[in-house]
């Protein structure tokens, strides 16, 4: 089992999860994070730390779509091991629906 980041992270990118991850399995895109499923040790400490509730176990019914995305993008985005400041408008994006279709970017982060 692993954990995955869902579309709720898009444009929020709070990174509280990064601060608690013991194995540094998070990868940074321009406007969201993903988890490398091969590196995640299923400890679960990241899930309750996410203010946007964007992290779910891969056994969650909503996880299947996000498992492939997390796996694929964690292989091309840079690893992130330290928490950074979230975007200035992160809180405004927390409850927005349809973010994947309207705001997702495959560009890597780390700037």
C-alpha atoms as a PDB file:
ATOM      1  CA  UNK A   1       0.000   0.000   0.000  1.00  0.00           C
ATOM      2  CA  UNK A   2       1.016   3.599  -0.561  1.00  0.00           C
ATOM      3  CA  UNK A   3      -0.417   7.064  -0.282  1.00  0.00           C
ATOM      4  CA  UNK A   4      -1.181   9.340  -3.226  1.00  0.00           C
ATOM      5  CA  UNK A   5      -1.724  13.044  -3.723  1.00  0.00           C
ATOM      6  CA  UNK A   6      -4.990  13.991  -5.409  1.00  0.00           C
ATOM      7  CA  UNK A   7      -6.175  17.028  -7.337  1.00  0.00           C
ATOM      8  CA  UNK A   8      -7.031  18.770  -4.073  1.00  0.00           C
ATOM      9  CA  UNK A   9      -3.336  19.724  -3.900  1.00  0.00           C
ATOM     10  CA  UNK A  10      -3.437  21.676  -7.164  1.00  0.00           C
ATOM     11  CA  UNK A  11      -2.753  25.373  -6.542  1.00  0.00           C
ATOM     12  CA  UNK A  12      -2.688  24.730  -2.774  1.00  0.00           C
ATOM     13  CA  UNK A  13       0.659  22.958  -2.373  1.00  0.00           C
ATOM     14  CA  UNK A  14       0.897  23.569   1.383  1.00  0.00           C
ATOM     15  CA  UNK A  15       3.836  21.156   1.869  1.00  0.00           C
ATOM     16  CA  UNK A  16       3.127  20.318   5.519  1.00  0.00           C
ATOM     17  CA  UNK A  17       3.342  16.702   4.333  1.00  0.00           C
ATOM     18  CA  UNK A  18       6.921  17.175   3.160  1.00  0.00           C
ATOM     19  CA  UNK A  19       7.996  18.337   6.610  1.00  0.00           C
ATOM     20  CA  UNK A  20       6.898  15.077   8.268  1.00  0.00           C
ATOM     21  CA  UNK A  21       7.792  12.477   5.613  1.00  0.00           C
ATOM     22  CA  UNK A  22      10.546  10.217   6.985  1.00  0.00           C
ATOM     23  CA  UNK A  23      11.629   8.945   3.556  1.00  0.00           C
ATOM     24  CA  UNK A  24      11.420  12.092   1.385  1.00  0.00           C
ATOM     25  CA  UNK A  25       9.104  10.487  -1.166  1.00  0.00           C
ATOM     26  CA  UNK A  26       7.462  13.755  -2.312  1.00  0.00           C
ATOM     27  CA  UNK A  27       8.144  15.321  -5.699  1.00  0.00           C
ATOM     28  CA  UNK A  28       7.351  18.877  -6.687  1.00  0.00           C
ATOM     29  CA  UNK A  29       5.467  20.081  -9.701  1.00  0.00           C
ATOM     30  CA  UNK A  30       4.763  23.677 -10.620  1.00  0.00           C
ATOM     31  CA  UNK A  31       1.463  23.697  -8.738  1.00  0.00           C
ATOM     32  CA  UNK A  32       1.115  20.397  -6.856  1.00  0.00           C
ATOM     33  CA  UNK A  33       3.084  17.618  -5.203  1.00  0.00           C
ATOM     34  CA  UNK A  34       3.069  13.862  -5.866  1.00  0.00           C
ATOM     35  CA  UNK A  35       4.285  10.819  -3.946  1.00  0.00           C
ATOM     36  CA  UNK A  36       6.551   8.185  -5.459  1.00  0.00           C
ATOM     37  CA  UNK A  37       4.639   4.967  -4.671  1.00  0.00           C
ATOM     38  CA  UNK A  38       7.830   2.876  -4.763  1.00  0.00           C
ATOM     39  CA  UNK A  39       9.424   5.042  -2.073  1.00  0.00           C
ATOM     40  CA  UNK A  40       6.402   5.535   0.208  1.00  0.00           C
ATOM     41  CA  UNK A  41       6.609   3.272   3.272  1.00  0.00           C
ATOM     42  CA  UNK A  42       2.899   3.570   4.090  1.00  0.00           C
ATOM     43  CA  UNK A  43       3.507   5.188   7.457  1.00  0.00           C
ATOM     44  CA  UNK A  44       0.577   7.572   6.975  1.00  0.00           C
ATOM     45  CA  UNK A  45       2.074  10.550   8.808  1.00  0.00           C
ATOM     46  CA  UNK A  46       1.550  12.824   5.806  1.00  0.00           C
ATOM     47  CA  UNK A  47      -2.202  12.314   5.434  1.00  0.00           C
ATOM     48  CA  UNK A  48      -3.403  14.190   8.546  1.00  0.00           C
ATOM     49  CA  UNK A  49      -0.886  16.999   7.973  1.00  0.00           C
ATOM     50  CA  UNK A  50      -2.436  18.124   4.681  1.00  0.00           C
ATOM     51  CA  UNK A  51      -4.742  21.132   5.230  1.00  0.00           C
ATOM     52  CA  UNK A  52      -6.410  20.488   1.868  1.00  0.00           C
ATOM     53  CA  UNK A  53      -7.064  16.771   2.574  1.00  0.00           C
ATOM     54  CA  UNK A  54      -5.284  15.995  -0.702  1.00  0.00           C
ATOM     55  CA  UNK A  55      -3.546  12.798   0.436  1.00  0.00           C
ATOM     56  CA  UNK A  56      -5.357   9.450   0.465  1.00  0.00           C
ATOM     57  CA  UNK A  57      -4.355   5.802   0.816  1.00  0.00           C
ATOM     58  CA  UNK A  58      -4.255   3.874  -2.431  1.00  0.00           C
ATOM     59  CA  UNK A  59      -7.075   1.717  -1.068  1.00  0.00           C
ATOM     60  CA  UNK A  60      -9.412   4.722  -1.117  1.00  0.00           C
ATOM     61  CA  UNK A  61     -11.978   4.423  -3.942  1.00  0.00           C
ATOM     62  CA  UNK A  62     -10.833   7.780  -5.362  1.00  0.00           C
ATOM     63  CA  UNK A  63      -7.131   6.837  -5.459  1.00  0.00           C
ATOM     64  CA  UNK A  64      -6.843   4.747  -8.638  1.00  0.00           C
ATOM     65  CA  UNK A  65      -6.779   7.743 -10.987  1.00  0.00           C
ATOM     66  CA  UNK A  66      -4.122   9.474  -8.895  1.00  0.00           C
ATOM     67  CA  UNK A  67      -1.832   6.478  -8.383  1.00  0.00           C
ATOM     68  CA  UNK A  68      -0.783   6.464 -12.034  1.00  0.00           C
ATOM     69  CA  UNK A  69      -0.282  10.231 -12.061  1.00  0.00           C
ATOM     70  CA  UNK A  70       1.799  10.166  -8.855  1.00  0.00           C
ATOM     71  CA  UNK A  71       3.930   7.308 -10.183  1.00  0.00           C
ATOM     72  CA  UNK A  72       4.543   8.900 -13.580  1.00  0.00           C
ATOM     73  CA  UNK A  73       5.288  12.436 -12.400  1.00  0.00           C
ATOM     74  CA  UNK A  74       7.452  11.392  -9.444  1.00  0.00           C
ATOM     75  CA  UNK A  75       9.852   9.995 -12.033  1.00  0.00           C
ATOM     76  CA  UNK A  76      10.320  13.362 -13.775  1.00  0.00           C
ATOM     77  CA  UNK A  77       9.681  16.037 -11.136  1.00  0.00           C
ATOM     78  CA  UNK A  78      12.402  17.006  -8.635  1.00  0.00           C
ATOM     79  CA  UNK A  79      12.404  15.516  -5.153  1.00  0.00           C
ATOM     80  CA  UNK A  80      11.452  17.874  -2.343  1.00  0.00           C
ATOM     81  CA  UNK A  81      12.675  17.187   1.182  1.00  0.00           C
ATOM     82  CA  UNK A  82      11.987  20.495   2.936  1.00  0.00           C
ATOM     83  CA  UNK A  83       8.803  22.464   3.380  1.00  0.00           C
ATOM     84  CA  UNK A  84       8.555  25.683   1.391  1.00  0.00           C
ATOM     85  CA  UNK A  85       6.013  28.474   1.555  1.00  0.00           C
ATOM     86  CA  UNK A  86       2.728  27.678  -0.191  1.00  0.00           C
ATOM     87  CA  UNK A  87       1.412  29.907  -2.968  1.00  0.00           C
ATOM     88  CA  UNK A  88      -0.035  33.194  -1.703  1.00  0.00           C
ATOM     89  CA  UNK A  89      -3.519  32.254  -2.928  1.00  0.00           C
ATOM     90  CA  UNK A  90      -3.408  28.641  -1.672  1.00  0.00           C
ATOM     91  CA  UNK A  91      -6.300  28.973   0.759  1.00  0.00           C
ATOM     92  CA  UNK A  92      -8.539  30.441  -1.928  1.00  0.00           C
ATOM     93  CA  UNK A  93      -8.026  27.261  -3.996  1.00  0.00           C
ATOM     94  CA  UNK A  94      -8.719  24.735  -1.227  1.00  0.00           C
ATOM     95  CA  UNK A  95     -12.390  24.076  -1.996  1.00  0.00           C
ATOM     96  CA  UNK A  96     -12.371  24.685  -5.744  1.00  0.00           C
ATOM     97  CA  UNK A  97     -13.766  21.772  -7.764  1.00  0.00           C
ATOM     98  CA  UNK A  98     -12.471  20.734 -11.174  1.00  0.00           C
ATOM     99  CA  UNK A  99      -8.919  21.953 -10.585  1.00  0.00           C
ATOM    100  CA  UNK A 100      -7.347  19.133 -12.589  1.00  0.00           C
ATOM    101  CA  UNK A 101      -9.205  20.151 -15.731  1.00  0.00           C
ATOM    102  CA  UNK A 102      -8.663  23.894 -15.304  1.00  0.00           C
ATOM    103  CA  UNK A 103      -5.466  24.511 -13.336  1.00  0.00           C
ATOM    104  CA  UNK A 104      -3.157  21.463 -13.439  1.00  0.00           C
ATOM    105  CA  UNK A 105       0.358  21.805 -14.822  1.00  0.00           C
ATOM    106  CA  UNK A 106       2.788  18.996 -15.652  1.00  0.00           C
ATOM    107  CA  UNK A 107       5.703  21.420 -15.432  1.00  0.00           C
ATOM    108  CA  UNK A 108       8.247  20.576 -12.746  1.00  0.00           C
ATOM    109  CA  UNK A 109       8.559  22.724  -9.658  1.00  0.00           C
ATOM    110  CA  UNK A 110      11.568  23.574  -7.599  1.00  0.00           C
ATOM    111  CA  UNK A 111      12.144  27.144  -8.674  1.00  0.00           C
END
